């Protein structure tokens, strides 16, 4: 099963207000989602998210999210190939389901399915 590509990258930030200003300047747009727990920018089909203090996932570096048509099937494929589940699939709102896995070198890979 093929992916729909990387369309989402989340960045852990220590100061959401300062990071929001930097990313707004970089992208040349204001955020489309702006809350105390998440700031999101949609720029030319790419979603850039800012997560204060790494969020509940405990992110310590940016995580790329691969968009897939069937998250359960893709999760089964990547774990059969050697990845381990870090964050089981769960809905984060508006029909979006996310999960993360750790590859064989310790890199975190995100999966997203929009229902």
PDB file of N, CA and C in Angstrom:
ATOM      1  N   UNK A   1       0.842  -1.171   0.000  1.00  0.00           N
ATOM      2  CA  UNK A   1       0.000   0.000   0.000  1.00  0.00           C
ATOM      3  C   UNK A   1       0.893   1.242   0.000  1.00  0.00           C
ATOM      4  N   UNK A   2       0.640   2.164  -0.902  1.00  0.00           N
ATOM      5  CA  UNK A   2       1.449   3.376  -0.969  1.00  0.00           C
ATOM      6  C   UNK A   2       0.911   4.439  -0.020  1.00  0.00           C
ATOM      7  N   UNK A   3       1.768   5.399   0.291  1.00  0.00           N
ATOM      8  CA  UNK A   3       1.359   6.522   1.135  1.00  0.00           C
ATOM      9  C   UNK A   3       0.903   7.670   0.246  1.00  0.00           C
ATOM     10  N   UNK A   4       0.328   8.670   0.864  1.00  0.00           N
ATOM     11  CA  UNK A   4      -0.085   9.880   0.160  1.00  0.00           C
ATOM     12  C   UNK A   4       0.960  10.975   0.350  1.00  0.00           C
ATOM     13  N   UNK A   5       2.114  10.606   0.897  1.00  0.00           N
ATOM     14  CA  UNK A   5       3.220  11.539   1.073  1.00  0.00           C
ATOM     15  C   UNK A   5       3.251  12.191   2.438  1.00  0.00           C
ATOM     16  N   UNK A   6       4.332  12.930   2.662  1.00  0.00           N
ATOM     17  CA  UNK A   6       4.477  13.699   3.904  1.00  0.00           C
ATOM     18  C   UNK A   6       3.793  15.032   3.683  1.00  0.00           C
ATOM     19  N   UNK A   7       2.759  15.277   4.480  1.00  0.00           N
ATOM     20  CA  UNK A   7       2.031  16.535   4.369  1.00  0.00           C
ATOM     21  C   UNK A   7       2.009  17.286   5.702  1.00  0.00           C
ATOM     22  N   UNK A   8       2.494  16.633   6.754  1.00  0.00           N
ATOM     23  CA  UNK A   8       2.426  17.215   8.091  1.00  0.00           C
ATOM     24  C   UNK A   8       3.751  17.012   8.807  1.00  0.00           C
ATOM     25  N   UNK A   9       4.262  18.096   9.412  1.00  0.00           N
ATOM     26  CA  UNK A   9       5.462  18.019  10.237  1.00  0.00           C
ATOM     27  C   UNK A   9       5.156  18.772  11.535  1.00  0.00           C
ATOM     28  N   UNK A  10       5.344  18.088  12.654  1.00  0.00           N
ATOM     29  CA  UNK A  10       5.132  18.710  13.964  1.00  0.00           C
ATOM     30  C   UNK A  10       6.478  19.009  14.603  1.00  0.00           C
ATOM     31  N   UNK A  11       6.569  20.199  15.202  1.00  0.00           N
ATOM     32  CA  UNK A  11       7.797  20.638  15.854  1.00  0.00           C
ATOM     33  C   UNK A  11       7.526  20.896  17.334  1.00  0.00           C
ATOM     34  N   UNK A  12       8.303  20.272  18.228  1.00  0.00           N
ATOM     35  CA  UNK A  12       8.182  20.621  19.639  1.00  0.00           C
ATOM     36  C   UNK A  12       8.823  21.992  19.861  1.00  0.00           C
ATOM     37  N   UNK A  13       8.183  22.825  20.651  1.00  0.00           N
ATOM     38  CA  UNK A  13       8.719  24.168  20.919  1.00  0.00           C
ATOM     39  C   UNK A  13       8.663  24.453  22.418  1.00  0.00           C
ATOM     40  N   UNK A  14       9.637  25.217  22.894  1.00  0.00           N
ATOM     41  CA  UNK A  14       9.675  25.540  24.323  1.00  0.00           C
ATOM     42  C   UNK A  14       8.880  26.803  24.648  1.00  0.00           C
ATOM     43  N   UNK A  15       8.732  27.705  23.683  1.00  0.00           N
ATOM     44  CA  UNK A  15       7.974  28.940  23.885  1.00  0.00           C
ATOM     45  C   UNK A  15       7.050  29.114  22.688  1.00  0.00           C
ATOM     46  N   UNK A  16       5.780  28.776  22.873  1.00  0.00           N
ATOM     47  CA  UNK A  16       4.818  28.778  21.771  1.00  0.00           C
ATOM     48  C   UNK A  16       4.648  30.161  21.148  1.00  0.00           C
ATOM     49  N   UNK A  17       4.615  31.195  21.953  1.00  0.00           N
ATOM     50  CA  UNK A  17       4.434  32.553  21.439  1.00  0.00           C
ATOM     51  C   UNK A  17       5.595  32.973  20.547  1.00  0.00           C
ATOM     52  N   UNK A  18       6.807  32.738  21.013  1.00  0.00           N
ATOM     53  CA  UNK A  18       7.976  33.104  20.210  1.00  0.00           C
ATOM     54  C   UNK A  18       8.077  32.250  18.953  1.00  0.00           C
ATOM     55  N   UNK A  19       7.825  30.958  19.091  1.00  0.00           N
ATOM     56  CA  UNK A  19       7.895  30.065  17.931  1.00  0.00           C
ATOM     57  C   UNK A  19       6.839  30.437  16.901  1.00  0.00           C
ATOM     58  N   UNK A  20       5.654  30.792  17.363  1.00  0.00           N
ATOM     59  CA  UNK A  20       4.583  31.183  16.444  1.00  0.00           C
ATOM     60  C   UNK A  20       5.015  32.381  15.607  1.00  0.00           C
ATOM     61  N   UNK A  21       5.659  33.348  16.210  1.00  0.00           N
ATOM     62  CA  UNK A  21       6.134  34.536  15.481  1.00  0.00           C
ATOM     63  C   UNK A  21       7.182  34.148  14.435  1.00  0.00           C
ATOM     64  N   UNK A  22       8.109  33.261  14.803  1.00  0.00           N
ATOM     65  CA  UNK A  22       9.159  32.843  13.876  1.00  0.00           C
ATOM     66  C   UNK A  22       8.561  32.095  12.681  1.00  0.00           C
ATOM     67  N   UNK A  23       7.662  31.154  12.932  1.00  0.00           N
ATOM     68  CA  UNK A  23       7.079  30.372  11.847  1.00  0.00           C
ATOM     69  C   UNK A  23       6.150  31.223  10.982  1.00  0.00           C
ATOM     70  N   UNK A  24       5.436  32.171  11.578  1.00  0.00           N
ATOM     71  CA  UNK A  24       4.598  33.083  10.783  1.00  0.00           C
ATOM     72  C   UNK A  24       5.476  33.911   9.842  1.00  0.00           C
ATOM     73  N   UNK A  25       6.615  34.362  10.335  1.00  0.00           N
ATOM     74  CA  UNK A  25       7.537  35.130   9.493  1.00  0.00           C
ATOM     75  C   UNK A  25       8.135  34.243   8.400  1.00  0.00           C
ATOM     76  N   UNK A  26       8.527  33.034   8.763  1.00  0.00           N
ATOM     77  CA  UNK A  26       9.111  32.103   7.794  1.00  0.00           C
ATOM     78  C   UNK A  26       8.123  31.767   6.678  1.00  0.00           C
ATOM     79  N   UNK A  27       6.888  31.431   7.055  1.00  0.00           N
ATOM     80  CA  UNK A  27       5.889  30.970   6.101  1.00  0.00           C
ATOM     81  C   UNK A  27       5.130  32.100   5.412  1.00  0.00           C
ATOM     82  N   UNK A  28       5.173  33.287   6.016  1.00  0.00           N
ATOM     83  CA  UNK A  28       4.480  34.430   5.436  1.00  0.00           C
ATOM     84  C   UNK A  28       2.972  34.390   5.607  1.00  0.00           C
ATOM     85  N   UNK A  29       2.502  33.621   6.588  1.00  0.00           N
ATOM     86  CA  UNK A  29       1.064  33.516   6.864  1.00  0.00           C
ATOM     87  C   UNK A  29       0.842  33.439   8.375  1.00  0.00           C
ATOM     88  N   UNK A  30      -0.375  33.710   8.774  1.00  0.00           N
ATOM     89  CA  UNK A  30      -0.765  33.545  10.172  1.00  0.00           C
ATOM     90  C   UNK A  30      -1.254  32.109  10.363  1.00  0.00           C
ATOM     91  N   UNK A  31      -1.235  31.600  11.593  1.00  0.00           N
ATOM     92  CA  UNK A  31      -1.697  30.227  11.823  1.00  0.00           C
ATOM     93  C   UNK A  31      -3.197  30.073  11.565  1.00  0.00           C
ATOM     94  N   UNK A  32      -3.580  28.897  11.079  1.00  0.00           N
ATOM     95  CA  UNK A  32      -4.989  28.583  10.897  1.00  0.00           C
ATOM     96  C   UNK A  32      -5.585  28.002  12.175  1.00  0.00           C
ATOM     97  N   UNK A  33      -4.740  27.374  12.991  1.00  0.00           N
ATOM     98  CA  UNK A  33      -5.146  26.855  14.291  1.00  0.00           C
ATOM     99  C   UNK A  33      -4.245  27.508  15.319  1.00  0.00           C
ATOM    100  N   UNK A  34      -4.858  28.115  16.330  1.00  0.00           N
ATOM    101  CA  UNK A  34      -4.067  28.837  17.322  1.00  0.00           C
ATOM    102  C   UNK A  34      -4.669  28.618  18.702  1.00  0.00           C
ATOM    103  N   UNK A  35      -4.096  27.673  19.440  1.00  0.00           N
ATOM    104  CA  UNK A  35      -4.575  27.378  20.783  1.00  0.00           C
ATOM    105  C   UNK A  35      -3.382  27.241  21.714  1.00  0.00           C
ATOM    106  N   UNK A  36      -3.616  27.203  23.013  1.00  0.00           N
ATOM    107  CA  UNK A  36      -2.498  27.076  23.955  1.00  0.00           C
ATOM    108  C   UNK A  36      -1.755  25.741  23.844  1.00  0.00           C
ATOM    109  N   UNK A  37      -2.385  24.721  23.267  1.00  0.00           N
ATOM    110  CA  UNK A  37      -1.751  23.402  23.191  1.00  0.00           C
ATOM    111  C   UNK A  37      -1.310  23.022  21.782  1.00  0.00           C
ATOM    112  N   UNK A  38      -1.620  23.878  20.774  1.00  0.00           N
ATOM    113  CA  UNK A  38      -1.229  23.555  19.396  1.00  0.00           C
ATOM    114  C   UNK A  38      -1.423  24.773  18.499  1.00  0.00           C
ATOM    115  N   UNK A  39      -0.423  25.026  17.670  1.00  0.00           N
ATOM    116  CA  UNK A  39      -0.533  26.075  16.653  1.00  0.00           C
ATOM    117  C   UNK A  39      -0.214  25.416  15.314  1.00  0.00           C
ATOM    118  N   UNK A  40      -1.110  25.606  14.349  1.00  0.00           N
ATOM    119  CA  UNK A  40      -0.919  24.959  13.052  1.00  0.00           C
ATOM    120  C   UNK A  40      -1.002  25.938  11.894  1.00  0.00           C
ATOM    121  N   UNK A  41      -0.084  25.770  10.951  1.00  0.00           N
ATOM    122  CA  UNK A  41      -0.028  26.591   9.740  1.00  0.00           C
ATOM    123  C   UNK A  41      -0.278  25.688   8.536  1.00  0.00           C
ATOM    124  N   UNK A  42      -1.076  26.145   7.587  1.00  0.00           N
ATOM    125  CA  UNK A  42      -1.267  25.433   6.329  1.00  0.00           C
ATOM    126  C   UNK A  42      -0.660  26.287   5.228  1.00  0.00           C
ATOM    127  N   UNK A  43       0.462  25.823   4.695  1.00  0.00           N
ATOM    128  CA  UNK A  43       1.204  26.579   3.692  1.00  0.00           C
ATOM    129  C   UNK A  43       1.405  25.734   2.436  1.00  0.00           C
ATOM    130  N   UNK A  44       0.708  26.099   1.382  1.00  0.00           N
ATOM    131  CA  UNK A  44       0.891  25.427   0.083  1.00  0.00           C
ATOM    132  C   UNK A  44       0.733  23.913   0.180  1.00  0.00           C
ATOM    133  N   UNK A  45      -0.282  23.451   0.896  1.00  0.00           N
ATOM    134  CA  UNK A  45      -0.534  22.022   1.007  1.00  0.00           C
ATOM    135  C   UNK A  45       0.273  21.304   2.069  1.00  0.00           C
ATOM    136  N   UNK A  46       1.125  22.036   2.769  1.00  0.00           N
ATOM    137  CA  UNK A  46       1.946  21.463   3.842  1.00  0.00           C
ATOM    138  C   UNK A  46       1.416  21.975   5.177  1.00  0.00           C
ATOM    139  N   UNK A  47       1.236  21.083   6.142  1.00  0.00           N
ATOM    140  CA  UNK A  47       0.799  21.505   7.469  1.00  0.00           C
ATOM    141  C   UNK A  47       2.000  21.485   8.414  1.00  0.00           C
ATOM    142  N   UNK A  48       2.266  22.616   9.039  1.00  0.00           N
ATOM    143  CA  UNK A  48       3.347  22.743  10.017  1.00  0.00           C
ATOM    144  C   UNK A  48       2.697  22.997  11.374  1.00  0.00           C
ATOM    145  N   UNK A  49       2.969  22.123  12.337  1.00  0.00           N
ATOM    146  CA  UNK A  49       2.382  22.253  13.657  1.00  0.00           C
ATOM    147  C   UNK A  49       3.435  22.520  14.708  1.00  0.00           C
ATOM    148  N   UNK A  50       3.073  23.354  15.669  1.00  0.00           N
ATOM    149  CA  UNK A  50       3.940  23.670  16.812  1.00  0.00           C
ATOM    150  C   UNK A  50       3.301  23.082  18.058  1.00  0.00           C
ATOM    151  N   UNK A  51       4.062  22.274  18.775  1.00  0.00           N
ATOM    152  CA  UNK A  51       3.554  21.565  19.950  1.00  0.00           C
ATOM    153  C   UNK A  51       4.359  22.007  21.167  1.00  0.00           C
ATOM    154  N   UNK A  52       3.726  22.730  22.103  1.00  0.00           N
ATOM    155  CA  UNK A  52       4.476  23.204  23.269  1.00  0.00           C
ATOM    156  C   UNK A  52       5.026  22.058  24.116  1.00  0.00           C
ATOM    157  N   UNK A  53       6.296  22.172  24.427  1.00  0.00           N
ATOM    158  CA  UNK A  53       7.000  21.208  25.283  1.00  0.00           C
ATOM    159  C   UNK A  53       6.871  19.761  24.805  1.00  0.00           C
ATOM    160  N   UNK A  54       6.697  19.575  23.510  1.00  0.00           N
ATOM    161  CA  UNK A  54       6.622  18.227  22.956  1.00  0.00           C
ATOM    162  C   UNK A  54       5.296  17.531  23.157  1.00  0.00           C
ATOM    163  N   UNK A  55       4.333  18.217  23.791  1.00  0.00           N
ATOM    164  CA  UNK A  55       3.000  17.660  23.980  1.00  0.00           C
ATOM    165  C   UNK A  55       2.988  16.366  24.763  1.00  0.00           C
ATOM    166  N   UNK A  56       1.822  15.710  24.800  1.00  0.00           N
ATOM    167  CA  UNK A  56       1.707  14.456  25.545  1.00  0.00           C
ATOM    168  C   UNK A  56       2.551  13.336  24.957  1.00  0.00           C
ATOM    169  N   UNK A  57       2.958  13.496  23.671  1.00  0.00           N
ATOM    170  CA  UNK A  57       3.789  12.480  23.039  1.00  0.00           C
ATOM    171  C   UNK A  57       5.233  12.545  23.528  1.00  0.00           C
ATOM    172  N   UNK A  58       5.608  13.657  24.151  1.00  0.00           N
ATOM    173  CA  UNK A  58       6.987  13.818  24.616  1.00  0.00           C
ATOM    174  C   UNK A  58       7.979  14.000  23.477  1.00  0.00           C
ATOM    175  N   UNK A  59       7.554  14.649  22.394  1.00  0.00           N
ATOM    176  CA  UNK A  59       8.429  14.852  21.240  1.00  0.00           C
ATOM    177  C   UNK A  59       9.673  15.627  21.644  1.00  0.00           C
ATOM    178  N   UNK A  60      10.818  15.182  21.146  1.00  0.00           N
ATOM    179  CA  UNK A  60      12.070  15.894  21.416  1.00  0.00           C
ATOM    180  C   UNK A  60      12.697  16.424  20.130  1.00  0.00           C
ATOM    181  N   UNK A  61      12.113  16.065  18.997  1.00  0.00           N
ATOM    182  CA  UNK A  61      12.567  16.555  17.697  1.00  0.00           C
ATOM    183  C   UNK A  61      11.360  16.567  16.760  1.00  0.00           C
ATOM    184  N   UNK A  62      11.478  17.237  15.618  1.00  0.00           N
ATOM    185  CA  UNK A  62      10.345  17.244  14.681  1.00  0.00           C
ATOM    186  C   UNK A  62       9.967  15.822  14.261  1.00  0.00           C
ATOM    187  N   UNK A  63       8.678  15.627  14.009  1.00  0.00           N
ATOM    188  CA  UNK A  63       8.164  14.344  13.541  1.00  0.00           C
ATOM    189  C   UNK A  63       7.414  14.576  12.234  1.00  0.00           C
ATOM    190  N   UNK A  64       7.796  13.825  11.204  1.00  0.00           N
ATOM    191  CA  UNK A  64       7.084  13.882   9.932  1.00  0.00           C
ATOM    192  C   UNK A  64       5.955  12.871   9.963  1.00  0.00           C
ATOM    193  N   UNK A  65       4.829  13.269   9.407  1.00  0.00           N
ATOM    194  CA  UNK A  65       3.661  12.394   9.372  1.00  0.00           C
ATOM    195  C   UNK A  65       3.327  12.041   7.931  1.00  0.00           C
ATOM    196  N   UNK A  66       3.334  10.752   7.657  1.00  0.00           N
ATOM    197  CA  UNK A  66       2.973  10.215   6.350  1.00  0.00           C
ATOM    198  C   UNK A  66       1.469  10.018   6.324  1.00  0.00           C
ATOM    199  N   UNK A  67       0.818  10.581   5.338  1.00  0.00           N
ATOM    200  CA  UNK A  67      -0.623  10.423   5.190  1.00  0.00           C
ATOM    201  C   UNK A  67      -0.902   9.115   4.453  1.00  0.00           C
ATOM    202  N   UNK A  68      -1.790   8.311   5.023  1.00  0.00           N
ATOM    203  CA  UNK A  68      -2.090   6.981   4.485  1.00  0.00           C
ATOM    204  C   UNK A  68      -3.603   6.790   4.394  1.00  0.00           C
ATOM    205  N   UNK A  69      -4.054   5.968   3.449  1.00  0.00           N
ATOM    206  CA  UNK A  69      -5.497   5.735   3.318  1.00  0.00           C
ATOM    207  C   UNK A  69      -6.054   4.779   4.378  1.00  0.00           C
ATOM    208  N   UNK A  70      -5.203   3.914   4.949  1.00  0.00           N
ATOM    209  CA  UNK A  70      -5.653   2.931   5.941  1.00  0.00           C
ATOM    210  C   UNK A  70      -4.559   2.776   6.995  1.00  0.00           C
ATOM    211  N   UNK A  71      -4.716   3.463   8.112  1.00  0.00           N
ATOM    212  CA  UNK A  71      -3.661   3.507   9.132  1.00  0.00           C
ATOM    213  C   UNK A  71      -3.418   2.130   9.748  1.00  0.00           C
ATOM    214  N   UNK A  72      -4.470   1.342   9.952  1.00  0.00           N
ATOM    215  CA  UNK A  72      -4.288   0.017  10.547  1.00  0.00           C
ATOM    216  C   UNK A  72      -3.465  -0.881   9.623  1.00  0.00           C
ATOM    217  N   UNK A  73      -3.767  -0.849   8.340  1.00  0.00           N
ATOM    218  CA  UNK A  73      -3.021  -1.678   7.377  1.00  0.00           C
ATOM    219  C   UNK A  73      -1.565  -1.227   7.278  1.00  0.00           C
ATOM    220  N   UNK A  74      -1.338   0.084   7.226  1.00  0.00           N
ATOM    221  CA  UNK A  74       0.046   0.582   7.113  1.00  0.00           C
ATOM    222  C   UNK A  74       0.813   0.277   8.391  1.00  0.00           C
ATOM    223  N   UNK A  75       0.171   0.405   9.543  1.00  0.00           N
ATOM    224  CA  UNK A  75       0.818   0.080  10.811  1.00  0.00           C
ATOM    225  C   UNK A  75       1.221  -1.393  10.835  1.00  0.00           C
ATOM    226  N   UNK A  76       0.358  -2.262  10.336  1.00  0.00           N
ATOM    227  CA  UNK A  76       0.689  -3.687  10.269  1.00  0.00           C
ATOM    228  C   UNK A  76       1.887  -3.927   9.348  1.00  0.00           C
ATOM    229  N   UNK A  77       1.933  -3.215   8.223  1.00  0.00           N
ATOM    230  CA  UNK A  77       3.050  -3.372   7.284  1.00  0.00           C
ATOM    231  C   UNK A  77       4.380  -2.944   7.895  1.00  0.00           C
ATOM    232  N   UNK A  78       4.393  -1.767   8.517  1.00  0.00           N
ATOM    233  CA  UNK A  78       5.671  -1.260   9.032  1.00  0.00           C
ATOM    234  C   UNK A  78       6.141  -2.022  10.266  1.00  0.00           C
ATOM    235  N   UNK A  79       5.211  -2.499  11.082  1.00  0.00           N
ATOM    236  CA  UNK A  79       5.647  -3.286  12.238  1.00  0.00           C
ATOM    237  C   UNK A  79       6.131  -4.668  11.779  1.00  0.00           C
ATOM    238  N   UNK A  80       5.514  -5.228  10.756  1.00  0.00           N
ATOM    239  CA  UNK A  80       5.997  -6.507  10.211  1.00  0.00           C
ATOM    240  C   UNK A  80       7.400  -6.343   9.632  1.00  0.00           C
ATOM    241  N   UNK A  81       7.710  -5.138   9.171  1.00  0.00           N
ATOM    242  CA  UNK A  81       9.033  -4.874   8.597  1.00  0.00           C
ATOM    243  C   UNK A  81      10.080  -4.539   9.655  1.00  0.00           C
ATOM    244  N   UNK A  82       9.668  -4.389  10.930  1.00  0.00           N
ATOM    245  CA  UNK A  82      10.647  -4.166  11.988  1.00  0.00           C
ATOM    246  C   UNK A  82      10.449  -2.937  12.843  1.00  0.00           C
ATOM    247  N   UNK A  83       9.496  -2.059  12.494  1.00  0.00           N
ATOM    248  CA  UNK A  83       9.225  -0.885  13.332  1.00  0.00           C
ATOM    249  C   UNK A  83       8.452  -1.313  14.580  1.00  0.00           C
ATOM    250  N   UNK A  84       8.509  -0.491  15.629  1.00  0.00           N
ATOM    251  CA  UNK A  84       7.733  -0.754  16.841  1.00  0.00           C
ATOM    252  C   UNK A  84       6.779   0.410  17.079  1.00  0.00           C
ATOM    253  N   UNK A  85       5.615   0.103  17.583  1.00  0.00           N
ATOM    254  CA  UNK A  85       4.604   1.127  17.848  1.00  0.00           C
ATOM    255  C   UNK A  85       5.027   1.954  19.051  1.00  0.00           C
ATOM    256  N   UNK A  86       5.056   3.258  18.874  1.00  0.00           N
ATOM    257  CA  UNK A  86       5.316   4.166  19.987  1.00  0.00           C
ATOM    258  C   UNK A  86       3.991   4.711  20.523  1.00  0.00           C
ATOM    259  N   UNK A  87       3.126   5.119  19.623  1.00  0.00           N
ATOM    260  CA  UNK A  87       1.840   5.712  19.984  1.00  0.00           C
ATOM    261  C   UNK A  87       0.778   5.020  19.130  1.00  0.00           C
ATOM    262  N   UNK A  88      -0.106   4.266  19.770  1.00  0.00           N
ATOM    263  CA  UNK A  88      -1.143   3.528  19.050  1.00  0.00           C
ATOM    264  C   UNK A  88      -2.099   4.491  18.350  1.00  0.00           C
ATOM    265  N   UNK A  89      -2.766   4.043  17.289  1.00  0.00           N
ATOM    266  CA  UNK A  89      -3.703   4.915  16.578  1.00  0.00           C
ATOM    267  C   UNK A  89      -4.789   5.456  17.504  1.00  0.00           C
ATOM    268  N   UNK A  90      -5.031   6.748  17.373  1.00  0.00           N
ATOM    269  CA  UNK A  90      -6.111   7.376  18.140  1.00  0.00           C
ATOM    270  C   UNK A  90      -6.580   8.621  17.405  1.00  0.00           C
ATOM    271  N   UNK A  91      -7.849   8.945  17.599  1.00  0.00           N
ATOM    272  CA  UNK A  91      -8.421  10.104  16.923  1.00  0.00           C
ATOM    273  C   UNK A  91      -8.024  11.376  17.657  1.00  0.00           C
ATOM    274  N   UNK A  92      -7.675  12.399  16.873  1.00  0.00           N
ATOM    275  CA  UNK A  92      -7.277  13.688  17.454  1.00  0.00           C
ATOM    276  C   UNK A  92      -8.257  14.800  17.095  1.00  0.00           C
ATOM    277  N   UNK A  93      -9.378  14.432  16.474  1.00  0.00           N
ATOM    278  CA  UNK A  93     -10.415  15.397  16.136  1.00  0.00           C
ATOM    279  C   UNK A  93     -10.685  15.439  14.645  1.00  0.00           C
ATOM    280  N   UNK A  94     -11.912  15.785  14.308  1.00  0.00           N
ATOM    281  CA  UNK A  94     -12.352  15.963  12.920  1.00  0.00           C
ATOM    282  C   UNK A  94     -12.080  14.736  12.057  1.00  0.00           C
ATOM    283  N   UNK A  95     -12.146  13.530  12.647  1.00  0.00           N
ATOM    284  CA  UNK A  95     -11.951  12.311  11.890  1.00  0.00           C
ATOM    285  C   UNK A  95     -10.514  11.971  11.577  1.00  0.00           C
ATOM    286  N   UNK A  96      -9.572  12.693  12.147  1.00  0.00           N
ATOM    287  CA  UNK A  96      -8.147  12.441  11.902  1.00  0.00           C
ATOM    288  C   UNK A  96      -7.634  11.448  12.945  1.00  0.00           C
ATOM    289  N   UNK A  97      -6.986  10.384  12.448  1.00  0.00           N
ATOM    290  CA  UNK A  97      -6.395   9.359  13.318  1.00  0.00           C
ATOM    291  C   UNK A  97      -4.885   9.405  13.120  1.00  0.00           C
ATOM    292  N   UNK A  98      -4.142   9.390  14.222  1.00  0.00           N
ATOM    293  CA  UNK A  98      -2.685   9.439  14.151  1.00  0.00           C
ATOM    294  C   UNK A  98      -2.075   8.288  14.952  1.00  0.00           C
ATOM    295  N   UNK A  99      -0.860   7.942  14.580  1.00  0.00           N
ATOM    296  CA  UNK A  99      -0.065   6.948  15.305  1.00  0.00           C
ATOM    297  C   UNK A  99       1.397   7.260  15.024  1.00  0.00           C
ATOM    298  N   UNK A 100       2.285   6.777  15.890  1.00  0.00           N
ATOM    299  CA  UNK A 100       3.717   6.898  15.611  1.00  0.00           C
ATOM    300  C   UNK A 100       4.375   5.548  15.831  1.00  0.00           C
ATOM    301  N   UNK A 101       5.440   5.335  15.063  1.00  0.00           N
ATOM    302  CA  UNK A 101       6.259   4.137  15.199  1.00  0.00           C
ATOM    303  C   UNK A 101       7.711   4.571  15.301  1.00  0.00           C
ATOM    304  N   UNK A 102       8.538   3.663  15.787  1.00  0.00           N
ATOM    305  CA  UNK A 102       9.976   3.903  15.850  1.00  0.00           C
ATOM    306  C   UNK A 102      10.623   2.929  14.883  1.00  0.00           C
ATOM    307  N   UNK A 103      11.436   3.473  13.963  1.00  0.00           N
ATOM    308  CA  UNK A 103      12.097   2.592  12.995  1.00  0.00           C
ATOM    309  C   UNK A 103      13.270   1.876  13.654  1.00  0.00           C
ATOM    310  N   UNK A 104      13.968   1.064  12.889  1.00  0.00           N
ATOM    311  CA  UNK A 104      15.039   0.240  13.451  1.00  0.00           C
ATOM    312  C   UNK A 104      16.241   1.046  13.936  1.00  0.00           C
ATOM    313  N   UNK A 105      16.307   2.347  13.568  1.00  0.00           N
ATOM    314  CA  UNK A 105      17.399   3.201  14.033  1.00  0.00           C
ATOM    315  C   UNK A 105      16.967   4.190  15.102  1.00  0.00           C
ATOM    316  N   UNK A 106      15.730   4.071  15.583  1.00  0.00           N
ATOM    317  CA  UNK A 106      15.255   4.940  16.647  1.00  0.00           C
ATOM    318  C   UNK A 106      14.569   6.206  16.176  1.00  0.00           C
ATOM    319  N   UNK A 107      14.371   6.373  14.869  1.00  0.00           N
ATOM    320  CA  UNK A 107      13.678   7.542  14.345  1.00  0.00           C
ATOM    321  C   UNK A 107      12.170   7.378  14.542  1.00  0.00           C
ATOM    322  N   UNK A 108      11.499   8.476  14.887  1.00  0.00           N
ATOM    323  CA  UNK A 108      10.058   8.456  15.057  1.00  0.00           C
ATOM    324  C   UNK A 108       9.404   8.821  13.727  1.00  0.00           C
ATOM    325  N   UNK A 109       8.478   7.982  13.282  1.00  0.00           N
ATOM    326  CA  UNK A 109       7.721   8.205  12.056  1.00  0.00           C
ATOM    327  C   UNK A 109       6.241   8.305  12.404  1.00  0.00           C
ATOM    328  N   UNK A 110       5.575   9.310  11.882  1.00  0.00           N
ATOM    329  CA  UNK A 110       4.157   9.488  12.140  1.00  0.00           C
ATOM    330  C   UNK A 110       3.318   8.997  10.982  1.00  0.00           C
ATOM    331  N   UNK A 111       2.112   8.522  11.303  1.00  0.00           N
ATOM    332  CA  UNK A 111       1.121   8.117  10.322  1.00  0.00           C
ATOM    333  C   UNK A 111      -0.158   8.891  10.594  1.00  0.00           C
ATOM    334  N   UNK A 112      -0.831   9.331   9.544  1.00  0.00           N
ATOM    335  CA  UNK A 112      -2.105  10.045   9.657  1.00  0.00           C
ATOM    336  C   UNK A 112      -3.087   9.461   8.657  1.00  0.00           C
ATOM    337  N   UNK A 113      -4.307   9.254   9.131  1.00  0.00           N
ATOM    338  CA  UNK A 113      -5.414   8.892   8.243  1.00  0.00           C
ATOM    339  C   UNK A 113      -6.547   9.862   8.502  1.00  0.00           C
ATOM    340  N   UNK A 114      -7.036  10.487   7.441  1.00  0.00           N
ATOM    341  CA  UNK A 114      -8.226  11.333   7.554  1.00  0.00           C
ATOM    342  C   UNK A 114      -9.422  10.518   7.093  1.00  0.00           C
ATOM    343  N   UNK A 115     -10.406  10.421   7.968  1.00  0.00           N
ATOM    344  CA  UNK A 115     -11.603   9.623   7.650  1.00  0.00           C
ATOM    345  C   UNK A 115     -12.702  10.503   7.123  1.00  0.00           C
TER     346      UNK A 115
END
